[in-house]
């Protein structure tokens, strides 16, 4: 009968991180969220770079202050960027309420987390409603995927006196890219709202309180802040430049 001989402590083979802290000491779900956001950032970057390449290589382009000068349902002309400014403010405020939800989660305050999450959801729904109004208005002007306004209407959106062929070509490019990129971003906002609703239901029934951690709020918060950050670039490229 053989007996196992214990190795001296100083001879025990140590792991690479023994005696210290791993440089990747990040919760698995949060790390995966960062990987997802990084890959999504590449997608948005590709779309925005494509838009920029076409925008600055074109001899003429629809002027943002002329295209986006209405406040759907209230003002038809003369209010450039007012409506999209409101959309941006709503999304930024929803990002603030998400920060407050994460902070409340760190204190295990269920009631506050629930309140701030509900406000974040309301902000997301308001943004999506505003985007639907804007899309509907542009569609009524004649802009849509593969479609452009009539020549008479197009002239209202261009500065100078470009040719009809130039206006038609760049209007096609503008419409296709605008609805594709803002639609892709809107899909992210919609997905975020759905996820936030699911998380809020879990908060309501006490799922995270039983776990003793509201880390899931922080993971969802990363996604929501990313959506907010992407909108800053979309806003800059389409509405300001």
Foldseek 3Di string as FASTA:
>chain_A
DDDDDDDPPVPDDDDPQPPHDDPPPDDPLLVVLVVVLVVVVVVLVVLLVVLVVCCVVAPWAFALQQLQAAQQPPGDHDRRPPLVVVLLVLLVVLLVLLVQLQVCQVVVNLVSVLVSLVSSLVSLVVSLVSVVSSVVVLVVQFQAAVTAHDPVSLVSRTPDDDDPVSSVVNSNVLRNSLCVSVVVLNVLSVVLSVVSVVLSVCSVVCVQVVVVGPVVSVSSSVSSVSSSVSVVSVCCSRNPD
